[in-house]
């Protein structure tokens, strides 16, 4: 599931009402197939894009882009996307900053930001959840928190959303990937929580696209 939000030009959230409704679409496609469609709708090239959680670069396999090497030019390189690949693992991204603590020098520099941190609560606990523990030191905080694993995931998203607001230009686009899940017999509406966080931190929710697996 993809959630898209935009910063407001004046930094204040405004309810656009029926003039700009939140849309939901079901799409049968892989991540690499769907991502170019999302960019085409909301981030036309040329644009400078920060992928906060680049990983193996799956989203970008079918996108015409140029890898930036850290030079902020007056305009993005060429007529395509200038990609800034960031990942906590230095072997994956060109940059390896913690997504919850991006450089102040990046403030207001990007047209769009991608956020896709580890989010599985079940089925992937031994892998994805452990990666959160290792990379973001959440294991000890979880012991003290009543919210447990869902709290760790939400804190990671919240930290990323705050940093995205810092580095985005006004009217920039934040693209978030997440998934609603069932844990302990209860529905965990992660997408709803993320949209609430976006509003609290200064974004306006624009769209939601449902990835059908």
N, C-alpha and C. Protein backbone atom coordinates (compact mmCIF):
# COMPACT_ATOMS: atom_id res chain seq x y z
N UNK A 1 0.84 -1.18 0.00
CA UNK A 1 0.00 0.00 0.00
C UNK A 1 0.88 1.24 0.00
N UNK A 2 0.53 2.18 -0.87
CA UNK A 2 1.29 3.43 -0.97
C UNK A 2 0.44 4.57 -0.45
N UNK A 3 1.00 5.41 0.40
CA UNK A 3 0.34 6.62 0.86
C UNK A 3 1.16 7.81 0.39
N UNK A 4 0.49 8.79 -0.21
CA UNK A 4 1.18 9.96 -0.73
C UNK A 4 0.70 11.19 0.01
N UNK A 5 1.64 12.03 0.44
CA UNK A 5 1.31 13.26 1.13
C UNK A 5 2.19 14.37 0.59
N UNK A 6 1.70 15.59 0.71
CA UNK A 6 2.46 16.74 0.22
C UNK A 6 2.60 17.78 1.31
N UNK A 7 3.74 18.48 1.32
CA UNK A 7 3.90 19.61 2.23
C UNK A 7 3.08 20.76 1.69
N UNK A 8 2.63 21.64 2.57
CA UNK A 8 1.88 22.82 2.17
C UNK A 8 2.83 23.98 1.96
N UNK A 9 2.48 24.86 1.04
CA UNK A 9 3.36 25.98 0.73
C UNK A 9 3.61 26.85 1.96
N UNK A 10 2.59 26.98 2.84
CA UNK A 10 2.76 27.80 4.02
C UNK A 10 3.08 26.96 5.25
N UNK A 11 3.26 25.65 5.07
CA UNK A 11 3.61 24.79 6.19
C UNK A 11 2.45 24.45 7.09
N UNK A 12 1.21 24.80 6.70
CA UNK A 12 0.03 24.53 7.53
C UNK A 12 -0.90 23.61 6.77
N UNK A 13 -1.43 22.59 7.46
CA UNK A 13 -2.33 21.66 6.80
C UNK A 13 -3.66 22.33 6.52
N UNK A 14 -4.17 22.12 5.31
CA UNK A 14 -5.45 22.71 4.91
C UNK A 14 -6.36 21.60 4.41
N UNK A 15 -7.61 21.58 4.87
CA UNK A 15 -8.59 20.60 4.40
C UNK A 15 -9.13 21.08 3.06
N UNK A 16 -8.82 20.31 2.00
CA UNK A 16 -9.22 20.72 0.65
C UNK A 16 -10.64 20.29 0.30
N UNK A 17 -11.28 19.48 1.16
CA UNK A 17 -12.65 19.07 0.91
C UNK A 17 -12.80 18.26 -0.37
N UNK A 18 -13.94 18.38 -1.03
CA UNK A 18 -14.23 17.59 -2.22
C UNK A 18 -13.45 18.06 -3.44
N UNK A 19 -12.79 19.21 -3.36
CA UNK A 19 -12.02 19.67 -4.51
C UNK A 19 -10.79 18.81 -4.74
N UNK A 20 -10.32 18.14 -3.71
CA UNK A 20 -9.11 17.33 -3.84
C UNK A 20 -9.26 16.06 -3.00
N UNK A 21 -10.19 15.17 -3.36
CA UNK A 21 -10.47 14.00 -2.53
C UNK A 21 -9.33 13.00 -2.54
N UNK A 22 -9.21 12.21 -1.45
CA UNK A 22 -8.26 11.11 -1.40
C UNK A 22 -8.81 9.96 -2.21
N UNK A 23 -8.04 9.45 -3.15
CA UNK A 23 -8.48 8.40 -4.05
C UNK A 23 -7.85 7.08 -3.66
N UNK A 24 -8.55 5.99 -3.92
CA UNK A 24 -8.02 4.66 -3.66
C UNK A 24 -8.13 3.84 -4.93
N UNK A 25 -7.04 3.16 -5.30
CA UNK A 25 -7.03 2.34 -6.51
C UNK A 25 -6.40 1.00 -6.22
N UNK A 26 -6.98 -0.08 -6.75
CA UNK A 26 -6.37 -1.39 -6.64
C UNK A 26 -5.61 -1.71 -7.91
N UNK A 27 -4.35 -2.12 -7.78
CA UNK A 27 -3.51 -2.35 -8.94
C UNK A 27 -2.82 -3.70 -8.82
N UNK A 28 -2.90 -4.51 -9.87
CA UNK A 28 -2.15 -5.76 -9.92
C UNK A 28 -0.82 -5.48 -10.61
N UNK A 29 0.22 -5.32 -9.84
CA UNK A 29 1.53 -4.99 -10.41
C UNK A 29 2.59 -5.22 -9.35
N UNK A 30 3.83 -5.38 -9.81
CA UNK A 30 4.95 -5.49 -8.88
C UNK A 30 5.37 -4.08 -8.45
N UNK A 31 6.22 -4.02 -7.43
CA UNK A 31 6.71 -2.71 -6.98
C UNK A 31 7.40 -1.95 -8.10
N UNK A 32 8.24 -2.66 -8.86
CA UNK A 32 8.99 -1.99 -9.93
C UNK A 32 8.07 -1.53 -11.06
N UNK A 33 6.90 -2.17 -11.22
CA UNK A 33 5.95 -1.77 -12.25
C UNK A 33 5.06 -0.63 -11.77
N UNK A 34 4.69 -0.65 -10.50
CA UNK A 34 3.77 0.35 -9.99
C UNK A 34 4.45 1.68 -9.68
N UNK A 35 5.68 1.62 -9.22
CA UNK A 35 6.35 2.85 -8.79
C UNK A 35 6.47 3.90 -9.90
N UNK A 36 6.83 3.53 -11.14
CA UNK A 36 6.88 4.55 -12.20
C UNK A 36 5.53 5.22 -12.44
N UNK A 37 4.43 4.47 -12.24
CA UNK A 37 3.11 5.05 -12.41
C UNK A 37 2.83 6.11 -11.34
N UNK A 38 3.29 5.83 -10.11
CA UNK A 38 3.11 6.80 -9.03
C UNK A 38 3.90 8.07 -9.32
N UNK A 39 5.15 7.90 -9.75
CA UNK A 39 5.95 9.07 -10.09
C UNK A 39 5.30 9.86 -11.22
N UNK A 40 4.77 9.15 -12.21
CA UNK A 40 4.13 9.82 -13.33
C UNK A 40 2.94 10.66 -12.92
N UNK A 41 2.22 10.23 -11.88
CA UNK A 41 1.05 10.95 -11.41
C UNK A 41 1.42 12.19 -10.59
N UNK A 42 2.45 12.07 -9.76
CA UNK A 42 2.68 13.10 -8.76
C UNK A 42 4.06 13.76 -8.79
N UNK A 43 5.03 13.15 -9.45
CA UNK A 43 6.39 13.71 -9.45
C UNK A 43 6.91 13.73 -10.88
N UNK A 44 6.46 14.66 -11.70
CA UNK A 44 6.93 14.70 -13.08
C UNK A 44 8.40 15.10 -13.14
N UNK A 45 9.16 14.51 -14.06
CA UNK A 45 10.57 14.90 -14.22
C UNK A 45 10.68 16.25 -14.93
N UNK A 46 11.80 16.95 -14.74
CA UNK A 46 12.94 16.58 -13.90
C UNK A 46 12.64 16.84 -12.43
N UNK A 47 13.17 16.00 -11.56
CA UNK A 47 12.94 16.15 -10.13
C UNK A 47 14.09 15.53 -9.36
N UNK A 48 14.40 16.12 -8.22
CA UNK A 48 15.42 15.58 -7.32
C UNK A 48 14.70 14.76 -6.25
N UNK A 49 15.02 13.46 -6.18
CA UNK A 49 14.29 12.54 -5.31
C UNK A 49 15.25 11.87 -4.33
N UNK A 50 14.87 11.89 -3.05
CA UNK A 50 15.62 11.18 -2.02
C UNK A 50 14.89 9.89 -1.69
N UNK A 51 15.54 8.75 -1.90
CA UNK A 51 15.01 7.46 -1.45
C UNK A 51 15.67 7.17 -0.10
N UNK A 52 14.93 7.39 0.98
CA UNK A 52 15.49 7.26 2.33
C UNK A 52 15.86 5.82 2.67
N UNK A 53 15.20 4.87 2.00
CA UNK A 53 15.37 3.44 2.30
C UNK A 53 15.60 2.70 0.99
N UNK A 54 16.70 2.97 0.34
CA UNK A 54 16.94 2.51 -1.03
C UNK A 54 16.99 0.99 -1.17
N UNK A 55 17.61 0.29 -0.22
CA UNK A 55 17.70 -1.16 -0.29
C UNK A 55 18.39 -1.64 -1.54
N UNK A 56 17.71 -2.52 -2.29
CA UNK A 56 18.26 -3.04 -3.54
C UNK A 56 17.84 -2.23 -4.76
N UNK A 57 17.16 -1.12 -4.53
CA UNK A 57 16.77 -0.25 -5.64
C UNK A 57 15.67 -0.80 -6.51
N UNK A 58 14.80 -1.66 -5.95
CA UNK A 58 13.75 -2.30 -6.74
C UNK A 58 12.81 -1.28 -7.37
N UNK A 59 12.45 -0.24 -6.62
CA UNK A 59 11.51 0.75 -7.14
C UNK A 59 12.00 1.41 -8.41
N UNK A 60 13.31 1.49 -8.58
CA UNK A 60 13.89 2.31 -9.65
C UNK A 60 14.29 1.53 -10.90
N UNK A 61 14.00 0.24 -10.93
CA UNK A 61 14.44 -0.60 -12.05
C UNK A 61 13.83 -0.18 -13.38
N UNK A 62 12.63 0.39 -13.36
CA UNK A 62 11.97 0.80 -14.60
C UNK A 62 11.79 2.31 -14.69
N UNK A 63 12.61 3.04 -13.96
CA UNK A 63 12.54 4.51 -13.97
C UNK A 63 13.82 5.08 -14.57
N UNK A 64 13.67 5.98 -15.53
CA UNK A 64 14.82 6.65 -16.12
C UNK A 64 15.36 7.65 -15.10
N UNK A 65 16.55 7.39 -14.57
CA UNK A 65 17.08 8.24 -13.51
C UNK A 65 18.60 8.33 -13.59
N UNK A 66 19.12 9.32 -12.89
CA UNK A 66 20.56 9.52 -12.77
C UNK A 66 20.91 9.49 -11.29
N UNK A 67 21.93 8.72 -10.92
CA UNK A 67 22.38 8.67 -9.53
C UNK A 67 23.17 9.94 -9.22
N UNK A 68 22.71 10.67 -8.20
CA UNK A 68 23.44 11.86 -7.78
C UNK A 68 24.59 11.46 -6.86
N UNK A 69 25.69 12.16 -6.98
CA UNK A 69 26.85 11.89 -6.13
C UNK A 69 27.07 13.00 -5.11
N UNK A 70 25.97 13.68 -4.77
CA UNK A 70 26.04 14.63 -3.68
C UNK A 70 26.19 16.08 -4.07
N UNK A 71 26.21 16.36 -5.37
CA UNK A 71 26.36 17.75 -5.81
C UNK A 71 24.97 18.35 -6.05
N UNK A 72 24.64 19.40 -5.32
CA UNK A 72 23.37 20.09 -5.53
C UNK A 72 23.53 21.08 -6.67
N UNK A 73 23.02 20.71 -7.82
CA UNK A 73 23.06 21.59 -8.98
C UNK A 73 21.84 22.50 -8.96
N UNK A 74 21.85 23.61 -9.71
CA UNK A 74 20.69 24.50 -9.73
C UNK A 74 19.41 23.78 -10.14
N UNK A 75 19.51 22.85 -11.08
CA UNK A 75 18.37 22.04 -11.50
C UNK A 75 18.82 20.58 -11.54
N UNK A 76 17.86 19.63 -11.37
CA UNK A 76 18.23 18.22 -11.45
C UNK A 76 18.94 17.91 -12.75
N UNK A 77 19.84 16.93 -12.70
CA UNK A 77 20.64 16.56 -13.86
C UNK A 77 19.76 16.04 -14.99
N UNK A 78 19.87 16.64 -16.17
CA UNK A 78 19.15 16.14 -17.32
C UNK A 78 17.65 16.37 -17.22
N UNK A 79 16.90 15.58 -17.97
CA UNK A 79 15.45 15.70 -18.01
C UNK A 79 14.76 14.56 -17.27
N UNK A 80 15.51 13.75 -16.52
CA UNK A 80 14.88 12.64 -15.81
C UNK A 80 14.91 12.90 -14.31
N UNK A 81 15.02 11.84 -13.52
CA UNK A 81 15.04 11.97 -12.07
C UNK A 81 16.47 11.92 -11.55
N UNK A 82 16.81 12.85 -10.68
CA UNK A 82 18.09 12.83 -9.99
C UNK A 82 17.87 12.10 -8.67
N UNK A 83 18.38 10.88 -8.58
CA UNK A 83 18.12 10.02 -7.42
C UNK A 83 19.24 10.11 -6.40
N UNK A 84 18.86 10.32 -5.16
CA UNK A 84 19.79 10.28 -4.02
C UNK A 84 19.47 9.03 -3.23
N UNK A 85 20.22 7.93 -3.43
CA UNK A 85 19.92 6.65 -2.77
C UNK A 85 20.55 6.59 -1.37
N UNK A 86 19.70 6.56 -0.35
CA UNK A 86 20.17 6.49 1.04
C UNK A 86 19.74 5.17 1.66
N UNK A 87 20.62 4.53 2.39
CA UNK A 87 20.29 3.30 3.11
C UNK A 87 21.22 3.19 4.31
N UNK A 88 20.68 2.71 5.41
CA UNK A 88 21.51 2.57 6.61
C UNK A 88 22.69 1.64 6.36
N UNK A 89 22.50 0.67 5.45
CA UNK A 89 23.57 -0.24 5.06
C UNK A 89 24.45 0.45 4.02
N UNK A 90 25.70 0.77 4.36
CA UNK A 90 26.56 1.51 3.42
C UNK A 90 26.87 0.75 2.14
N UNK A 91 26.63 -0.56 2.12
CA UNK A 91 26.87 -1.34 0.91
C UNK A 91 25.72 -1.21 -0.08
N UNK A 92 24.61 -0.61 0.33
CA UNK A 92 23.45 -0.48 -0.54
C UNK A 92 23.28 0.93 -1.11
N UNK A 93 23.25 1.90 -0.23
CA UNK A 93 23.02 3.25 -0.69
C UNK A 93 24.30 4.04 -0.89
N UNK A 94 24.23 5.04 -1.75
CA UNK A 94 25.37 5.94 -1.91
C UNK A 94 25.58 6.75 -0.64
N UNK A 95 24.47 7.02 0.06
CA UNK A 95 24.51 7.67 1.36
C UNK A 95 24.01 6.68 2.41
N UNK A 96 24.48 6.79 3.64
CA UNK A 96 24.09 5.81 4.67
C UNK A 96 23.70 6.51 5.97
N UNK A 97 22.81 7.49 5.86
CA UNK A 97 22.33 8.20 7.04
C UNK A 97 21.13 7.47 7.65
N UNK A 98 21.01 7.56 8.97
CA UNK A 98 19.82 7.09 9.67
C UNK A 98 18.63 7.91 9.16
N UNK A 99 17.57 7.23 8.73
CA UNK A 99 16.43 7.96 8.17
C UNK A 99 15.75 8.86 9.19
N UNK A 100 16.01 8.64 10.47
CA UNK A 100 15.44 9.50 11.51
C UNK A 100 16.37 10.66 11.87
N UNK A 101 17.49 10.79 11.16
CA UNK A 101 18.46 11.84 11.47
C UNK A 101 19.23 12.23 10.21
N UNK A 102 18.54 12.86 9.28
CA UNK A 102 19.16 13.27 8.02
C UNK A 102 19.93 14.57 8.19
N UNK A 103 20.90 14.84 7.32
CA UNK A 103 21.73 16.04 7.46
C UNK A 103 20.92 17.33 7.37
N UNK A 104 21.24 18.29 8.21
CA UNK A 104 20.58 19.59 8.16
C UNK A 104 20.86 20.29 6.83
N UNK A 105 21.99 19.97 6.22
CA UNK A 105 22.35 20.59 4.93
C UNK A 105 21.37 20.22 3.83
N UNK A 106 20.58 19.16 4.02
CA UNK A 106 19.61 18.74 3.01
C UNK A 106 18.27 19.46 3.15
N UNK A 107 18.13 20.34 4.08
CA UNK A 107 16.84 20.97 4.35
C UNK A 107 16.29 21.67 3.11
N UNK A 108 15.03 21.33 2.77
CA UNK A 108 14.34 21.97 1.66
C UNK A 108 14.91 21.72 0.29
N UNK A 109 15.61 20.58 0.09
CA UNK A 109 16.33 20.35 -1.15
C UNK A 109 15.63 19.43 -2.14
N UNK A 110 14.63 18.66 -1.71
CA UNK A 110 14.11 17.59 -2.56
C UNK A 110 12.68 17.85 -3.02
N UNK A 111 12.42 17.43 -4.26
CA UNK A 111 11.06 17.51 -4.80
C UNK A 111 10.19 16.37 -4.30
N UNK A 112 10.81 15.24 -3.99
CA UNK A 112 10.07 14.07 -3.51
C UNK A 112 10.97 13.23 -2.61
N UNK A 113 10.34 12.53 -1.67
CA UNK A 113 11.05 11.63 -0.76
C UNK A 113 10.30 10.31 -0.71
N UNK A 114 11.05 9.20 -0.73
CA UNK A 114 10.48 7.86 -0.64
C UNK A 114 10.80 7.27 0.73
N UNK A 115 9.78 6.71 1.40
CA UNK A 115 9.96 6.09 2.71
C UNK A 115 9.36 4.69 2.70
N UNK A 116 10.20 3.67 2.86
CA UNK A 116 9.76 2.27 2.85
C UNK A 116 10.59 1.48 3.86
N UNK A 117 10.41 1.74 5.16
CA UNK A 117 11.20 1.03 6.17
C UNK A 117 10.65 -0.37 6.41
N UNK A 118 11.36 -1.23 7.14
CA UNK A 118 10.82 -2.54 7.51
C UNK A 118 9.54 -2.37 8.32
N UNK A 119 8.47 -3.13 7.96
CA UNK A 119 7.20 -2.90 8.64
C UNK A 119 6.43 -4.18 8.99
N UNK A 120 6.91 -5.36 8.61
CA UNK A 120 6.16 -6.59 8.87
C UNK A 120 6.13 -6.90 10.36
N UNK A 121 4.92 -7.19 10.88
CA UNK A 121 4.76 -7.56 12.28
C UNK A 121 4.72 -9.06 12.47
N UNK A 122 4.28 -9.80 11.44
CA UNK A 122 4.21 -11.26 11.51
C UNK A 122 4.82 -11.82 10.25
N UNK A 123 5.29 -13.06 10.33
CA UNK A 123 5.84 -13.73 9.15
C UNK A 123 7.24 -13.28 8.82
N UNK A 124 7.61 -12.09 9.28
CA UNK A 124 8.93 -11.59 8.99
C UNK A 124 9.64 -11.08 10.22
N UNK A 125 9.15 -11.45 11.38
CA UNK A 125 9.71 -10.94 12.62
C UNK A 125 11.19 -11.30 12.74
N UNK A 126 11.55 -12.51 12.34
CA UNK A 126 12.94 -12.94 12.51
C UNK A 126 13.88 -12.24 11.55
N UNK A 127 13.32 -11.62 10.53
CA UNK A 127 14.18 -10.96 9.54
C UNK A 127 13.99 -9.44 9.55
N UNK A 128 12.80 -8.99 9.13
CA UNK A 128 12.58 -7.56 9.01
C UNK A 128 12.56 -6.86 10.36
N UNK A 129 11.87 -7.44 11.33
CA UNK A 129 11.82 -6.80 12.65
C UNK A 129 13.21 -6.78 13.28
N UNK A 130 13.96 -7.86 13.11
CA UNK A 130 15.32 -7.89 13.64
C UNK A 130 16.18 -6.80 12.99
N UNK A 131 15.91 -6.50 11.72
CA UNK A 131 16.69 -5.46 11.06
C UNK A 131 16.41 -4.10 11.68
N UNK A 132 15.18 -3.88 12.13
CA UNK A 132 14.88 -2.64 12.84
C UNK A 132 15.65 -2.60 14.15
N UNK A 133 15.65 -3.73 14.87
CA UNK A 133 16.36 -3.78 16.15
C UNK A 133 17.84 -3.47 15.96
N UNK A 134 18.45 -4.09 14.94
CA UNK A 134 19.88 -3.91 14.73
C UNK A 134 20.20 -2.49 14.26
N UNK A 135 19.40 -2.01 13.32
CA UNK A 135 19.72 -0.74 12.70
C UNK A 135 19.30 0.48 13.49
N UNK A 136 18.23 0.34 14.28
CA UNK A 136 17.70 1.52 14.95
C UNK A 136 17.59 1.36 16.46
N UNK A 137 18.24 0.30 17.01
CA UNK A 137 18.37 0.13 18.46
C UNK A 137 17.02 0.16 19.17
N UNK A 138 16.04 -0.55 18.61
CA UNK A 138 14.70 -0.53 19.19
C UNK A 138 14.46 -1.62 20.22
N UNK A 139 15.33 -2.62 20.29
CA UNK A 139 15.06 -3.76 21.16
C UNK A 139 14.90 -3.33 22.62
N UNK A 140 15.82 -2.48 23.09
CA UNK A 140 15.74 -2.05 24.48
C UNK A 140 14.53 -1.17 24.72
N UNK A 141 14.21 -0.29 23.76
CA UNK A 141 13.06 0.58 23.95
C UNK A 141 11.77 -0.21 23.94
N UNK A 142 11.72 -1.32 23.16
CA UNK A 142 10.53 -2.16 23.14
C UNK A 142 10.27 -2.80 24.49
N UNK A 143 11.34 -3.13 25.22
CA UNK A 143 11.18 -3.75 26.53
C UNK A 143 10.47 -2.80 27.49
N UNK A 144 10.65 -1.50 27.29
CA UNK A 144 10.07 -0.50 28.17
C UNK A 144 8.72 -0.01 27.66
N UNK A 145 8.38 -0.35 26.42
CA UNK A 145 7.17 0.18 25.80
C UNK A 145 6.05 -0.85 25.80
N UNK A 146 4.84 -0.41 26.15
CA UNK A 146 3.67 -1.29 26.14
C UNK A 146 3.21 -1.57 24.71
N UNK A 147 3.61 -0.74 23.78
CA UNK A 147 3.15 -0.90 22.40
C UNK A 147 3.90 -1.98 21.64
N UNK A 148 5.08 -2.40 22.12
CA UNK A 148 5.82 -3.50 21.52
C UNK A 148 6.21 -3.26 20.08
N UNK A 149 6.07 -4.32 19.25
CA UNK A 149 6.57 -4.28 17.87
C UNK A 149 5.87 -3.22 17.04
N UNK A 150 4.54 -3.11 17.18
CA UNK A 150 3.83 -2.10 16.39
C UNK A 150 4.32 -0.71 16.76
N UNK A 151 4.66 -0.52 18.03
CA UNK A 151 5.19 0.78 18.46
C UNK A 151 6.53 1.08 17.83
N UNK A 152 7.39 0.05 17.72
CA UNK A 152 8.70 0.24 17.10
C UNK A 152 8.56 0.63 15.64
N UNK A 153 7.65 -0.03 14.94
CA UNK A 153 7.43 0.27 13.52
C UNK A 153 6.89 1.69 13.37
N UNK A 154 5.91 2.06 14.20
CA UNK A 154 5.32 3.39 14.09
C UNK A 154 6.32 4.49 14.43
N UNK A 155 7.19 4.24 15.41
CA UNK A 155 8.21 5.23 15.75
C UNK A 155 9.17 5.44 14.58
N UNK A 156 9.48 4.35 13.88
CA UNK A 156 10.38 4.46 12.74
C UNK A 156 9.73 5.28 11.63
N UNK A 157 8.45 5.00 11.34
CA UNK A 157 7.74 5.80 10.34
C UNK A 157 7.66 7.26 10.78
N UNK A 158 7.31 7.49 12.05
CA UNK A 158 7.18 8.85 12.54
C UNK A 158 8.47 9.64 12.40
N UNK A 159 9.59 9.00 12.76
CA UNK A 159 10.88 9.67 12.62
C UNK A 159 11.20 9.99 11.18
N UNK A 160 10.86 9.05 10.28
CA UNK A 160 11.10 9.28 8.86
C UNK A 160 10.24 10.39 8.29
N UNK A 161 8.98 10.46 8.73
CA UNK A 161 8.07 11.51 8.25
C UNK A 161 8.56 12.89 8.67
N UNK A 162 9.02 13.00 9.92
CA UNK A 162 9.54 14.28 10.40
C UNK A 162 10.74 14.72 9.57
N UNK A 163 11.65 13.78 9.30
CA UNK A 163 12.84 14.12 8.52
C UNK A 163 12.49 14.44 7.07
N UNK A 164 11.49 13.73 6.53
CA UNK A 164 11.05 14.01 5.16
C UNK A 164 10.54 15.44 5.05
N UNK A 165 9.79 15.88 6.05
CA UNK A 165 9.27 17.26 6.03
C UNK A 165 10.42 18.26 6.03
N UNK A 166 11.49 17.92 6.74
CA UNK A 166 12.64 18.82 6.81
C UNK A 166 13.33 18.96 5.46
N UNK A 167 13.51 17.86 4.75
CA UNK A 167 14.32 17.91 3.53
C UNK A 167 13.52 18.18 2.27
N UNK A 168 12.18 18.13 2.35
CA UNK A 168 11.36 18.41 1.18
C UNK A 168 11.21 19.90 0.94
N UNK A 169 11.10 20.26 -0.35
CA UNK A 169 10.69 21.61 -0.69
C UNK A 169 9.23 21.78 -0.30
N UNK A 170 8.78 23.02 -0.17
CA UNK A 170 7.36 23.26 0.05
C UNK A 170 6.58 22.77 -1.17
N UNK A 171 5.49 22.09 -0.93
CA UNK A 171 4.69 21.40 -1.95
C UNK A 171 5.40 20.17 -2.48
N UNK A 172 6.45 19.71 -1.79
CA UNK A 172 7.10 18.46 -2.17
C UNK A 172 6.24 17.26 -1.83
N UNK A 173 6.56 16.12 -2.42
CA UNK A 173 5.76 14.91 -2.27
C UNK A 173 6.50 13.87 -1.44
N UNK A 174 5.82 13.33 -0.44
CA UNK A 174 6.33 12.20 0.34
C UNK A 174 5.57 10.95 -0.07
N UNK A 175 6.29 9.92 -0.53
CA UNK A 175 5.68 8.66 -0.95
C UNK A 175 6.07 7.59 0.06
N UNK A 176 5.07 6.99 0.70
CA UNK A 176 5.31 6.02 1.77
C UNK A 176 4.72 4.67 1.39
N UNK A 177 5.49 3.62 1.60
CA UNK A 177 4.96 2.27 1.43
C UNK A 177 4.74 1.65 2.81
N UNK A 178 3.57 1.03 2.99
CA UNK A 178 3.24 0.41 4.27
C UNK A 178 2.27 -0.74 4.03
N UNK A 179 1.82 -1.39 5.10
CA UNK A 179 0.88 -2.50 4.95
C UNK A 179 0.06 -2.66 6.22
N UNK A 180 -1.27 -2.70 6.08
CA UNK A 180 -2.13 -3.04 7.21
C UNK A 180 -2.00 -4.53 7.48
N UNK A 181 -2.02 -4.92 8.75
CA UNK A 181 -1.75 -6.30 9.11
C UNK A 181 -2.65 -6.75 10.27
N UNK A 182 -2.70 -8.06 10.46
CA UNK A 182 -3.39 -8.64 11.61
C UNK A 182 -2.35 -9.23 12.53
N UNK A 183 -2.41 -8.85 13.80
CA UNK A 183 -1.46 -9.36 14.78
C UNK A 183 -2.20 -9.65 16.08
N UNK A 184 -2.05 -10.86 16.60
CA UNK A 184 -2.72 -11.24 17.84
C UNK A 184 -4.23 -11.18 17.72
N UNK A 185 -4.75 -11.47 16.52
CA UNK A 185 -6.19 -11.45 16.30
C UNK A 185 -6.78 -10.06 16.16
N UNK A 186 -5.95 -9.04 16.11
CA UNK A 186 -6.44 -7.67 15.98
C UNK A 186 -5.88 -7.02 14.72
N UNK A 187 -6.74 -6.25 14.07
CA UNK A 187 -6.31 -5.53 12.87
C UNK A 187 -5.44 -4.35 13.27
N UNK A 188 -4.28 -4.24 12.65
CA UNK A 188 -3.38 -3.11 12.87
C UNK A 188 -3.45 -2.20 11.64
N UNK A 189 -4.13 -1.07 11.79
CA UNK A 189 -4.35 -0.16 10.67
C UNK A 189 -3.16 0.79 10.53
N UNK A 190 -2.05 0.25 10.09
CA UNK A 190 -0.83 1.05 9.98
C UNK A 190 -1.00 2.20 9.00
N UNK A 191 -1.73 1.97 7.92
CA UNK A 191 -1.91 3.04 6.92
C UNK A 191 -2.67 4.22 7.52
N UNK A 192 -3.67 3.94 8.37
CA UNK A 192 -4.42 5.02 9.02
C UNK A 192 -3.52 5.80 9.97
N UNK A 193 -2.72 5.05 10.74
CA UNK A 193 -1.82 5.71 11.69
C UNK A 193 -0.82 6.61 10.97
N UNK A 194 -0.32 6.12 9.83
CA UNK A 194 0.65 6.90 9.07
C UNK A 194 0.02 8.18 8.52
N UNK A 195 -1.21 8.09 8.01
CA UNK A 195 -1.88 9.29 7.51
C UNK A 195 -2.11 10.29 8.62
N UNK A 196 -2.46 9.79 9.82
CA UNK A 196 -2.63 10.68 10.97
C UNK A 196 -1.31 11.38 11.30
N UNK A 197 -0.20 10.61 11.30
CA UNK A 197 1.10 11.20 11.59
C UNK A 197 1.47 12.25 10.55
N UNK A 198 1.18 11.97 9.30
CA UNK A 198 1.49 12.94 8.24
C UNK A 198 0.76 14.26 8.48
N UNK A 199 -0.52 14.18 8.84
CA UNK A 199 -1.27 15.41 9.11
C UNK A 199 -0.70 16.17 10.30
N UNK A 200 -0.36 15.42 11.36
CA UNK A 200 0.18 16.05 12.56
C UNK A 200 1.49 16.78 12.26
N UNK A 201 2.31 16.17 11.41
CA UNK A 201 3.64 16.73 11.15
C UNK A 201 3.68 17.71 9.99
N UNK A 202 2.49 18.11 9.47
CA UNK A 202 2.46 19.21 8.52
C UNK A 202 2.17 18.86 7.08
N UNK A 203 1.83 17.59 6.79
CA UNK A 203 1.52 17.18 5.43
C UNK A 203 0.02 17.21 5.17
N UNK A 204 -0.34 17.20 3.90
CA UNK A 204 -1.71 16.98 3.47
C UNK A 204 -1.76 15.67 2.71
N UNK A 205 -2.61 14.75 3.11
CA UNK A 205 -2.71 13.46 2.42
C UNK A 205 -3.37 13.65 1.06
N UNK A 206 -2.72 13.13 0.03
CA UNK A 206 -3.16 13.34 -1.34
C UNK A 206 -3.82 12.12 -1.95
N UNK A 207 -3.30 10.94 -1.68
CA UNK A 207 -3.78 9.76 -2.41
C UNK A 207 -3.36 8.51 -1.66
N UNK A 208 -4.04 7.41 -1.98
CA UNK A 208 -3.67 6.10 -1.45
C UNK A 208 -3.86 5.07 -2.56
N UNK A 209 -2.81 4.34 -2.86
CA UNK A 209 -2.87 3.32 -3.90
C UNK A 209 -2.65 1.97 -3.27
N UNK A 210 -3.56 1.04 -3.54
CA UNK A 210 -3.53 -0.27 -2.90
C UNK A 210 -2.86 -1.27 -3.83
N UNK A 211 -1.80 -1.86 -3.35
CA UNK A 211 -1.07 -2.89 -4.10
C UNK A 211 -1.69 -4.24 -3.79
N UNK A 212 -2.25 -4.91 -4.81
CA UNK A 212 -2.92 -6.19 -4.63
C UNK A 212 -1.93 -7.31 -4.94
N UNK A 213 -1.63 -8.12 -3.94
CA UNK A 213 -0.64 -9.19 -4.09
C UNK A 213 -1.33 -10.50 -4.45
